[in-house]
Amino acid sequence: MFDENEFDPNRSKVEVDLVEEAIRTRDDLAPSSFTVEDILNRSWEILRSCGPQIIFTLWFGIFLGFVPMLLSLLLTIDQRVPGRQPGRGIRILDFVALGLSILVFAGMILFVTNVASGRTAAFGDLFRCRKFAGPILLAYFLMALAGVGIQFLLIFATMILGEVIGDFAILVGFFVGVPVFYAITISLTQVPFLIVDRETSAFGALKLSWALMRGHRVQYLFLTFCCFVINVIGLLAFGVGLLVTVPLNMLCLAVFYLALSGQPVADPYGWSRTEENSSVSR
């Protein structure tokens, strides 16, 4: 079950900073009592409780997020020559389009987090995240930089190992490098939620995400696998099912973040309270 008593969503910024500092310095971040089944069940309950609003808002956000990139491509398609570096104007336009897409992405994070936590969520959340675009962009730039650095180190190590054991080093590098790369990537998955929900800096979000995910990496991997299967099922339903499964997946990630950080998770039908009362009466 979820532990919904550690965080108060209405805490002041100072209190939030103190909690974040406590999380950074904890050495015993064992997995909490929630399971992937809890995440999926609660996300489905939340979606059922106000499905039309969630589905419409998130799909509108997805559409709106793709529009700037698509317009940038259509406006400059005749200037994009394969094998040639794009001009300065194209790069500037692409950067502006990326910034606008990140703005919408941050708004979607805010909306889905508000829904998942039971706070007031509105369509306007999509347009309320201007101050978060910069930190999110910086955080993803640092993550990409780290990813490139890790890949370079793995390739370099494989080349050195190849001098000793020959071509077998490629196989070793693959089976060692891929898990390491994904373990690091998974450890930083909570960055956008922390920036939007807790107004954490890019560097702070990277550190805090790493700390929160300690002991939860396999759990998160299993959750994303379940989300993938759910989307496949939605795709098999002539693609129409994706209208429901994609928002459900986004809710799952938001509920996971809230449960991971100990924040309250929405309980639209009061089932968890009913279960708690039943266990007490026994």
C-alpha atoms as a PDB file:
ATOM      1  CA  MET A   1       0.000   0.000   0.000  1.00  0.00           C
ATOM      2  CA  PHE A   2       1.005   3.632  -0.407  1.00  0.00           C
ATOM      3  CA  ASP A   3       2.554   5.603   2.428  1.00  0.00           C
ATOM      4  CA  GLU A   4       0.674   8.885   2.095  1.00  0.00           C
ATOM      5  CA  ASN A   5       1.817  10.654   5.257  1.00  0.00           C
ATOM      6  CA  GLU A   6       5.415  11.681   4.628  1.00  0.00           C
ATOM      7  CA  PHE A   7       4.833  14.691   2.382  1.00  0.00           C
ATOM      8  CA  ASP A   8       2.272  17.470   2.578  1.00  0.00           C
ATOM      9  CA  PRO A   9       1.673  18.976  -0.906  1.00  0.00           C
ATOM     10  CA  ASN A  10       1.040  22.378   0.680  1.00  0.00           C
ATOM     11  CA  ARG A  11       4.373  22.601   2.492  1.00  0.00           C
ATOM     12  CA  SER A  12       6.405  25.763   2.115  1.00  0.00           C
ATOM     13  CA  LYS A  13       9.468  25.876  -0.127  1.00  0.00           C
ATOM     14  CA  VAL A  14      11.741  25.901   2.934  1.00  0.00           C
ATOM     15  CA  GLU A  15      10.156  22.708   4.260  1.00  0.00           C
ATOM     16  CA  VAL A  16      10.456  21.097   0.839  1.00  0.00           C
ATOM     17  CA  ASP A  17      14.160  21.962   0.742  1.00  0.00           C
ATOM     18  CA  LEU A  18      14.664  20.369   4.152  1.00  0.00           C
ATOM     19  CA  VAL A  19      12.896  17.202   3.037  1.00  0.00           C
ATOM     20  CA  GLU A  20      14.954  17.052  -0.150  1.00  0.00           C
ATOM     21  CA  GLU A  21      18.159  17.467   1.853  1.00  0.00           C
ATOM     22  CA  ALA A  22      17.075  14.631   4.139  1.00  0.00           C
ATOM     23  CA  ILE A  23      16.467  12.384   1.129  1.00  0.00           C
ATOM     24  CA  ARG A  24      19.881  13.243  -0.328  1.00  0.00           C
ATOM     25  CA  THR A  25      21.672  12.226   2.841  1.00  0.00           C
ATOM     26  CA  ARG A  26      19.745   9.052   3.646  1.00  0.00           C
ATOM     27  CA  ASP A  27      21.669   5.805   3.384  1.00  0.00           C
ATOM     28  CA  ASP A  28      18.762   3.404   3.828  1.00  0.00           C
ATOM     29  CA  LEU A  29      16.535   4.175   0.869  1.00  0.00           C
ATOM     30  CA  ALA A  30      15.001   0.711   0.781  1.00  0.00           C
ATOM     31  CA  PRO A  31      12.047   0.195  -1.588  1.00  0.00           C
ATOM     32  CA  SER A  32       8.820   1.540  -0.109  1.00  0.00           C
ATOM     33  CA  SER A  33       5.773  -0.591   0.508  1.00  0.00           C
ATOM     34  CA  PHE A  34       4.079   0.138  -2.831  1.00  0.00           C
ATOM     35  CA  THR A  35       4.178  -2.352  -5.689  1.00  0.00           C
ATOM     36  CA  VAL A  36       3.801  -2.066  -9.449  1.00  0.00           C
ATOM     37  CA  GLU A  37       0.336  -3.571  -9.060  1.00  0.00           C
ATOM     38  CA  ASP A  38      -0.542  -0.742  -6.654  1.00  0.00           C
ATOM     39  CA  ILE A  39       0.669   1.799  -9.221  1.00  0.00           C
ATOM     40  CA  LEU A  40      -1.365   0.278 -12.051  1.00  0.00           C
ATOM     41  CA  ASN A  41      -4.529  -0.144  -9.983  1.00  0.00           C
ATOM     42  CA  ARG A  42      -4.472   3.361  -8.534  1.00  0.00           C
ATOM     43  CA  SER A  43      -3.695   4.924 -11.929  1.00  0.00           C
ATOM     44  CA  TRP A  44      -6.675   3.106 -13.443  1.00  0.00           C
ATOM     45  CA  GLU A  45      -8.924   4.310 -10.603  1.00  0.00           C
ATOM     46  CA  ILE A  46      -7.827   7.909 -11.173  1.00  0.00           C
ATOM     47  CA  LEU A  47      -8.358   7.649 -14.924  1.00  0.00           C
ATOM     48  CA  ARG A  48     -11.835   6.197 -14.425  1.00  0.00           C
ATOM     49  CA  SER A  49     -12.800   8.980 -12.034  1.00  0.00           C
ATOM     50  CA  CYS A  50     -12.232  11.834 -14.541  1.00  0.00           C
ATOM     51  CA  GLY A  51     -11.262  10.115 -17.767  1.00  0.00           C
ATOM     52  CA  PRO A  52     -12.537  12.608 -20.376  1.00  0.00           C
ATOM     53  CA  GLN A  53     -10.667  15.568 -18.847  1.00  0.00           C
ATOM     54  CA  ILE A  54      -7.430  13.597 -18.463  1.00  0.00           C
ATOM     55  CA  ILE A  55      -7.567  12.044 -21.922  1.00  0.00           C
ATOM     56  CA  PHE A  56      -8.441  15.282 -23.714  1.00  0.00           C
ATOM     57  CA  THR A  57      -5.874  17.427 -21.883  1.00  0.00           C
ATOM     58  CA  LEU A  58      -2.977  15.000 -22.269  1.00  0.00           C
ATOM     59  CA  TRP A  59      -3.659  14.254 -25.934  1.00  0.00           C
ATOM     60  CA  PHE A  60      -4.035  17.966 -26.651  1.00  0.00           C
ATOM     61  CA  GLY A  61      -0.677  18.453 -24.935  1.00  0.00           C
ATOM     62  CA  ILE A  62       0.906  15.715 -27.036  1.00  0.00           C
ATOM     63  CA  PHE A  63      -0.467  17.294 -30.218  1.00  0.00           C
ATOM     64  CA  LEU A  64       0.609  20.761 -29.135  1.00  0.00           C
ATOM     65  CA  GLY A  65       4.084  19.500 -28.279  1.00  0.00           C
ATOM     66  CA  PHE A  66       4.614  18.089 -31.761  1.00  0.00           C
ATOM     67  CA  VAL A  67       3.285  21.140 -33.615  1.00  0.00           C
ATOM     68  CA  PRO A  68       6.388  23.393 -33.210  1.00  0.00           C
ATOM     69  CA  MET A  69       8.771  20.641 -34.334  1.00  0.00           C
ATOM     70  CA  LEU A  70       6.522  19.731 -37.259  1.00  0.00           C
ATOM     71  CA  LEU A  71       6.187  23.364 -38.359  1.00  0.00           C
ATOM     72  CA  SER A  72       9.947  23.813 -38.139  1.00  0.00           C
ATOM     73  CA  LEU A  73      10.439  20.781 -40.367  1.00  0.00           C
ATOM     74  CA  LEU A  74       7.794  21.809 -42.914  1.00  0.00           C
ATOM     75  CA  LEU A  75       9.043  25.405 -43.147  1.00  0.00           C
ATOM     76  CA  THR A  76      12.627  24.349 -43.831  1.00  0.00           C
ATOM     77  CA  ILE A  77      12.242  20.995 -45.565  1.00  0.00           C
ATOM     78  CA  ASP A  78      13.516  22.367 -48.872  1.00  0.00           C
ATOM     79  CA  GLN A  79      16.682  23.654 -47.104  1.00  0.00           C
ATOM     80  CA  ARG A  80      17.517  20.400 -45.354  1.00  0.00           C
ATOM     81  CA  VAL A  81      19.950  18.633 -47.664  1.00  0.00           C
ATOM     82  CA  PRO A  82      21.132  15.156 -46.608  1.00  0.00           C
ATOM     83  CA  GLY A  83      24.841  15.132 -45.803  1.00  0.00           C
ATOM     84  CA  ARG A  84      25.024  18.906 -45.325  1.00  0.00           C
ATOM     85  CA  GLN A  85      25.014  20.795 -42.031  1.00  0.00           C
ATOM     86  CA  PRO A  86      21.835  22.889 -41.580  1.00  0.00           C
ATOM     87  CA  GLY A  87      22.235  26.646 -41.693  1.00  0.00           C
ATOM     88  CA  ARG A  88      22.177  28.944 -38.690  1.00  0.00           C
ATOM     89  CA  GLY A  89      18.569  29.966 -39.326  1.00  0.00           C
ATOM     90  CA  ILE A  90      17.416  26.356 -39.341  1.00  0.00           C
ATOM     91  CA  ARG A  91      19.289  25.601 -36.122  1.00  0.00           C
ATOM     92  CA  ILE A  92      17.761  28.639 -34.406  1.00  0.00           C
ATOM     93  CA  LEU A  93      14.281  27.649 -35.579  1.00  0.00           C
ATOM     94  CA  ASP A  94      14.812  24.076 -34.375  1.00  0.00           C
ATOM     95  CA  PHE A  95      15.984  25.344 -30.986  1.00  0.00           C
ATOM     96  CA  VAL A  96      12.916  27.600 -30.626  1.00  0.00           C
ATOM     97  CA  ALA A  97      10.652  24.687 -31.600  1.00  0.00           C
ATOM     98  CA  LEU A  98      12.379  22.467 -29.047  1.00  0.00           C
ATOM     99  CA  GLY A  99      11.900  25.121 -26.352  1.00  0.00           C
ATOM    100  CA  LEU A 100       8.181  25.404 -27.117  1.00  0.00           C
ATOM    101  CA  SER A 101       7.800  21.627 -27.052  1.00  0.00           C
ATOM    102  CA  ILE A 102       9.547  21.472 -23.665  1.00  0.00           C
ATOM    103  CA  LEU A 103       7.171  24.147 -22.347  1.00  0.00           C
ATOM    104  CA  VAL A 104       4.207  21.965 -23.252  1.00  0.00           C
ATOM    105  CA  PHE A 105       5.945  18.864 -21.903  1.00  0.00           C
ATOM    106  CA  ALA A 106       6.484  20.611 -18.551  1.00  0.00           C
ATOM    107  CA  GLY A 107       2.811  21.614 -18.533  1.00  0.00           C
ATOM    108  CA  MET A 108       1.788  17.996 -19.109  1.00  0.00           C
ATOM    109  CA  ILE A 109       4.006  16.928 -16.197  1.00  0.00           C
ATOM    110  CA  LEU A 110       2.335  19.548 -13.972  1.00  0.00           C
ATOM    111  CA  PHE A 111      -1.172  18.509 -15.041  1.00  0.00           C
ATOM    112  CA  VAL A 112      -0.663  14.769 -14.633  1.00  0.00           C
ATOM    113  CA  THR A 113       1.075  15.247 -11.262  1.00  0.00           C
ATOM    114  CA  ASN A 114      -1.801  17.388 -10.018  1.00  0.00           C
ATOM    115  CA  VAL A 115      -4.306  14.785 -11.170  1.00  0.00           C
ATOM    116  CA  ALA A 116      -2.372  11.901  -9.640  1.00  0.00           C
ATOM    117  CA  SER A 117      -1.988  13.684  -6.306  1.00  0.00           C
ATOM    118  CA  GLY A 118      -5.600  14.797  -6.048  1.00  0.00           C
ATOM    119  CA  ARG A 119      -4.701  18.492  -6.272  1.00  0.00           C
ATOM    120  CA  THR A 120      -6.627  20.901  -8.444  1.00  0.00           C
ATOM    121  CA  ALA A 121      -5.815  20.086 -12.073  1.00  0.00           C
ATOM    122  CA  ALA A 122      -6.896  22.225 -15.005  1.00  0.00           C
ATOM    123  CA  PHE A 123      -6.406  22.445 -18.748  1.00  0.00           C
ATOM    124  CA  GLY A 124      -4.489  25.668 -18.145  1.00  0.00           C
ATOM    125  CA  ASP A 125      -1.700  23.697 -16.440  1.00  0.00           C
ATOM    126  CA  LEU A 126      -0.347  23.048 -19.932  1.00  0.00           C
ATOM    127  CA  PHE A 127       0.587  26.732 -20.209  1.00  0.00           C
ATOM    128  CA  ARG A 128       1.811  27.485 -16.684  1.00  0.00           C
ATOM    129  CA  CYS A 129       5.374  26.155 -16.811  1.00  0.00           C
ATOM    130  CA  ARG A 130       7.486  28.838 -18.463  1.00  0.00           C
ATOM    131  CA  LYS A 131       9.941  28.955 -15.566  1.00  0.00           C
ATOM    132  CA  PHE A 132      10.572  25.202 -15.773  1.00  0.00           C
ATOM    133  CA  ALA A 133      11.560  25.019 -19.446  1.00  0.00           C
ATOM    134  CA  GLY A 134      15.130  26.218 -18.799  1.00  0.00           C
ATOM    135  CA  PRO A 135      15.914  23.799 -15.947  1.00  0.00           C
ATOM    136  CA  ILE A 136      14.393  20.859 -17.839  1.00  0.00           C
ATOM    137  CA  LEU A 137      16.364  21.729 -20.987  1.00  0.00           C
ATOM    138  CA  LEU A 138      19.579  22.054 -18.937  1.00  0.00           C
ATOM    139  CA  ALA A 139      18.901  18.790 -17.109  1.00  0.00           C
ATOM    140  CA  TYR A 140      18.365  16.872 -20.353  1.00  0.00           C
ATOM    141  CA  PHE A 141      21.458  18.458 -21.862  1.00  0.00           C
ATOM    142  CA  LEU A 142      23.501  17.264 -18.870  1.00  0.00           C
ATOM    143  CA  MET A 143      21.922  13.810 -19.143  1.00  0.00           C
ATOM    144  CA  ALA A 144      22.767  13.634 -22.847  1.00  0.00           C
ATOM    145  CA  LEU A 145      26.314  14.795 -22.111  1.00  0.00           C
ATOM    146  CA  ALA A 146      26.665  12.115 -19.446  1.00  0.00           C
ATOM    147  CA  GLY A 147      25.259   9.513 -21.841  1.00  0.00           C
ATOM    148  CA  VAL A 148      27.774  10.415 -24.532  1.00  0.00           C
ATOM    149  CA  GLY A 149      30.581  10.300 -21.976  1.00  0.00           C
ATOM    150  CA  ILE A 150      29.511   6.883 -20.725  1.00  0.00           C
ATOM    151  CA  GLN A 151      29.301   5.515 -24.261  1.00  0.00           C
ATOM    152  CA  PHE A 152      32.780   6.876 -25.028  1.00  0.00           C
ATOM    153  CA  LEU A 153      34.208   5.233 -21.900  1.00  0.00           C
ATOM    154  CA  LEU A 154      32.532   1.922 -22.723  1.00  0.00           C
ATOM    155  CA  ILE A 155      33.824   1.981 -26.299  1.00  0.00           C
ATOM    156  CA  PHE A 156      37.318   2.891 -25.098  1.00  0.00           C
ATOM    157  CA  ALA A 157      37.247   0.098 -22.479  1.00  0.00           C
ATOM    158  CA  THR A 158      36.051  -2.388 -25.110  1.00  0.00           C
ATOM    159  CA  MET A 159      38.897  -1.403 -27.434  1.00  0.00           C
ATOM    160  CA  ILE A 160      41.451  -1.881 -24.650  1.00  0.00           C
ATOM    161  CA  LEU A 161      39.894  -5.205 -23.694  1.00  0.00           C
ATOM    162  CA  GLY A 162      39.912  -6.220 -27.349  1.00  0.00           C
ATOM    163  CA  GLU A 163      43.712  -6.079 -27.339  1.00  0.00           C
ATOM    164  CA  VAL A 164      43.654  -8.813 -24.683  1.00  0.00           C
ATOM    165  CA  ILE A 165      40.779 -11.144 -25.578  1.00  0.00           C
ATOM    166  CA  GLY A 166      40.103 -10.208 -29.215  1.00  0.00           C
ATOM    167  CA  ASP A 167      36.635  -9.952 -30.754  1.00  0.00           C
ATOM    168  CA  PHE A 168      35.064 -11.482 -27.653  1.00  0.00           C
ATOM    169  CA  ALA A 169      35.501  -8.046 -26.066  1.00  0.00           C
ATOM    170  CA  ILE A 170      32.639  -6.704 -28.202  1.00  0.00           C
ATOM    171  CA  LEU A 171      30.259  -9.233 -26.669  1.00  0.00           C
ATOM    172  CA  VAL A 172      31.505  -8.461 -23.175  1.00  0.00           C
ATOM    173  CA  GLY A 173      31.208  -4.723 -23.805  1.00  0.00           C
ATOM    174  CA  PHE A 174      27.625  -5.139 -25.011  1.00  0.00           C
ATOM    175  CA  PHE A 175      26.406  -7.234 -22.086  1.00  0.00           C
ATOM    176  CA  VAL A 176      28.149  -4.987 -19.573  1.00  0.00           C
ATOM    177  CA  GLY A 177      27.646  -1.625 -21.249  1.00  0.00           C
ATOM    178  CA  VAL A 178      23.931  -1.842 -22.035  1.00  0.00           C
ATOM    179  CA  PRO A 179      22.846  -2.639 -18.430  1.00  0.00           C
ATOM    180  CA  VAL A 180      25.139   0.089 -17.073  1.00  0.00           C
ATOM    181  CA  PHE A 181      23.787   2.650 -19.537  1.00  0.00           C
ATOM    182  CA  TYR A 182      20.150   1.811 -18.781  1.00  0.00           C
ATOM    183  CA  ALA A 183      20.754   1.710 -15.026  1.00  0.00           C
ATOM    184  CA  ILE A 184      22.079   5.274 -15.179  1.00  0.00           C
ATOM    185  CA  THR A 185      19.264   6.388 -17.486  1.00  0.00           C
ATOM    186  CA  ILE A 186      16.577   4.886 -15.231  1.00  0.00           C
ATOM    187  CA  SER A 187      18.159   6.548 -12.194  1.00  0.00           C
ATOM    188  CA  LEU A 188      17.441   9.969 -13.713  1.00  0.00           C
ATOM    189  CA  THR A 189      13.841   9.386 -14.827  1.00  0.00           C
ATOM    190  CA  GLN A 190      12.335  11.457 -12.008  1.00  0.00           C
ATOM    191  CA  VAL A 191      14.136  14.645 -13.047  1.00  0.00           C
ATOM    192  CA  PRO A 192      11.225  16.388 -14.881  1.00  0.00           C
ATOM    193  CA  PHE A 193       8.773  15.567 -12.074  1.00  0.00           C
ATOM    194  CA  LEU A 194      11.130  16.977  -9.441  1.00  0.00           C
ATOM    195  CA  ILE A 195      11.754  20.169 -11.421  1.00  0.00           C
ATOM    196  CA  VAL A 196       8.055  20.839 -12.048  1.00  0.00           C
ATOM    197  CA  ASP A 197       6.565  19.542  -8.801  1.00  0.00           C
ATOM    198  CA  ARG A 198       9.256  20.645  -6.329  1.00  0.00           C
ATOM    199  CA  GLU A 199      10.816  23.531  -8.303  1.00  0.00           C
ATOM    200  CA  THR A 200      14.212  21.879  -7.956  1.00  0.00           C
ATOM    201  CA  SER A 201      17.194  23.117  -9.971  1.00  0.00           C
ATOM    202  CA  ALA A 202      18.542  20.993 -12.810  1.00  0.00           C
ATOM    203  CA  PHE A 203      21.560  19.848 -10.772  1.00  0.00           C
ATOM    204  CA  GLY A 204      19.434  19.284  -7.675  1.00  0.00           C
ATOM    205  CA  ALA A 205      16.906  17.232  -9.643  1.00  0.00           C
ATOM    206  CA  LEU A 206      19.653  14.995 -11.040  1.00  0.00           C
ATOM    207  CA  LYS A 207      21.051  14.313  -7.571  1.00  0.00           C
ATOM    208  CA  LEU A 208      17.644  13.828  -5.965  1.00  0.00           C
ATOM    209  CA  SER A 209      16.381  11.536  -8.735  1.00  0.00           C
ATOM    210  CA  TRP A 210      19.476   9.379  -8.334  1.00  0.00           C
ATOM    211  CA  ALA A 211      18.868   9.136  -4.576  1.00  0.00           C
ATOM    212  CA  LEU A 212      15.133   8.403  -4.887  1.00  0.00           C
ATOM    213  CA  MET A 213      15.633   5.663  -7.472  1.00  0.00           C
ATOM    214  CA  ARG A 214      18.125   3.774  -5.343  1.00  0.00           C
ATOM    215  CA  GLY A 215      16.519   0.391  -4.771  1.00  0.00           C
ATOM    216  CA  HIS A 216      13.686   1.098  -7.240  1.00  0.00           C
ATOM    217  CA  ARG A 217      15.398   0.697 -10.611  1.00  0.00           C
ATOM    218  CA  VAL A 218      14.141  -2.835 -11.290  1.00  0.00           C
ATOM    219  CA  GLN A 219      10.690  -1.844 -10.072  1.00  0.00           C
ATOM    220  CA  TYR A 220      10.615   1.093 -12.497  1.00  0.00           C
ATOM    221  CA  LEU A 221      11.861  -1.102 -15.334  1.00  0.00           C
ATOM    222  CA  PHE A 222       9.055  -3.582 -14.656  1.00  0.00           C
ATOM    223  CA  LEU A 223       6.524  -0.728 -14.579  1.00  0.00           C
ATOM    224  CA  THR A 224       7.689   0.585 -17.958  1.00  0.00           C
ATOM    225  CA  PHE A 225       7.474  -2.962 -19.362  1.00  0.00           C
ATOM    226  CA  CYS A 226       3.877  -3.205 -18.127  1.00  0.00           C
ATOM    227  CA  CYS A 227       3.138   0.182 -19.708  1.00  0.00           C
ATOM    228  CA  PHE A 228       4.618  -1.050 -22.991  1.00  0.00           C
ATOM    229  CA  VAL A 229       2.392  -4.152 -22.921  1.00  0.00           C
ATOM    230  CA  ILE A 230      -0.642  -1.979 -22.162  1.00  0.00           C
ATOM    231  CA  ASN A 231       0.168   0.236 -25.155  1.00  0.00           C
ATOM    232  CA  VAL A 232       0.576  -2.813 -27.393  1.00  0.00           C
ATOM    233  CA  ILE A 233      -2.895  -3.941 -26.319  1.00  0.00           C
ATOM    234  CA  GLY A 234      -4.209  -0.463 -27.101  1.00  0.00           C
ATOM    235  CA  LEU A 235      -2.533  -0.588 -30.508  1.00  0.00           C
ATOM    236  CA  LEU A 236      -4.073  -3.980 -31.281  1.00  0.00           C
ATOM    237  CA  ALA A 237      -7.513  -2.481 -30.673  1.00  0.00           C
ATOM    238  CA  PHE A 238      -7.198  -0.806 -34.093  1.00  0.00           C
ATOM    239  CA  GLY A 239      -5.077   1.913 -32.484  1.00  0.00           C
ATOM    240  CA  VAL A 240      -8.140   3.430 -30.817  1.00  0.00           C
ATOM    241  CA  GLY A 241      -7.121   1.944 -27.489  1.00  0.00           C
ATOM    242  CA  LEU A 242      -4.078   4.220 -27.441  1.00  0.00           C
ATOM    243  CA  LEU A 243      -6.429   7.114 -26.680  1.00  0.00           C
ATOM    244  CA  VAL A 244      -6.797   5.542 -23.226  1.00  0.00           C
ATOM    245  CA  THR A 245      -3.567   3.604 -22.732  1.00  0.00           C
ATOM    246  CA  VAL A 246      -1.174   6.513 -23.395  1.00  0.00           C
ATOM    247  CA  PRO A 247      -2.764   8.786 -20.736  1.00  0.00           C
ATOM    248  CA  LEU A 248      -2.898   5.767 -18.406  1.00  0.00           C
ATOM    249  CA  ASN A 249       0.843   5.240 -18.889  1.00  0.00           C
ATOM    250  CA  MET A 250       1.530   8.883 -18.063  1.00  0.00           C
ATOM    251  CA  LEU A 251      -0.584   8.581 -14.935  1.00  0.00           C
ATOM    252  CA  CYS A 252       1.372   5.480 -13.926  1.00  0.00           C
ATOM    253  CA  LEU A 253       4.648   7.406 -14.119  1.00  0.00           C
ATOM    254  CA  ALA A 254       3.197  10.283 -12.082  1.00  0.00           C
ATOM    255  CA  VAL A 255       1.770   7.949  -9.431  1.00  0.00           C
ATOM    256  CA  PHE A 256       5.124   6.158  -9.265  1.00  0.00           C
ATOM    257  CA  TYR A 257       6.886   9.479  -8.658  1.00  0.00           C
ATOM    258  CA  LEU A 258       4.445  10.476  -5.923  1.00  0.00           C
ATOM    259  CA  ALA A 259       4.661   7.106  -4.196  1.00  0.00           C
ATOM    260  CA  LEU A 260       8.438   7.121  -4.536  1.00  0.00           C
ATOM    261  CA  SER A 261       8.734  10.539  -2.886  1.00  0.00           C
ATOM    262  CA  GLY A 262       6.192   9.686  -0.192  1.00  0.00           C
ATOM    263  CA  GLN A 263       3.589  12.205  -1.349  1.00  0.00           C
ATOM    264  CA  PRO A 264      -0.170  11.620  -1.149  1.00  0.00           C
ATOM    265  CA  VAL A 265      -1.698   9.788  -4.112  1.00  0.00           C
ATOM    266  CA  ALA A 266      -5.271  10.504  -5.156  1.00  0.00           C
ATOM    267  CA  ASP A 267      -7.793   7.925  -3.997  1.00  0.00           C
ATOM    268  CA  PRO A 268     -10.973   8.879  -5.875  1.00  0.00           C
ATOM    269  CA  TYR A 269     -13.042   5.936  -4.620  1.00  0.00           C
ATOM    270  CA  GLY A 270     -11.674   5.774  -1.076  1.00  0.00           C
ATOM    271  CA  TRP A 271     -10.749   2.112  -1.472  1.00  0.00           C
ATOM    272  CA  SER A 272      -7.441   2.410   0.366  1.00  0.00           C
ATOM    273  CA  ARG A 273      -9.172   3.962   3.372  1.00  0.00           C
ATOM    274  CA  THR A 274     -11.744   1.171   3.287  1.00  0.00           C
ATOM    275  CA  GLU A 275      -8.974  -1.430   3.279  1.00  0.00           C
ATOM    276  CA  GLU A 276      -7.204   0.313   6.175  1.00  0.00           C
ATOM    277  CA  ASN A 277     -10.414   0.401   8.233  1.00  0.00           C
ATOM    278  CA  SER A 278     -11.043  -3.274   7.485  1.00  0.00           C
ATOM    279  CA  SER A 279      -7.539  -4.230   8.611  1.00  0.00           C
ATOM    280  CA  VAL A 280      -7.966  -2.197  11.821  1.00  0.00           C
ATOM    281  CA  SER A 281     -11.305  -3.821  12.635  1.00  0.00           C
ATOM    282  CA  ARG A 282      -9.752  -7.238  12.288  1.00  0.00           C
END
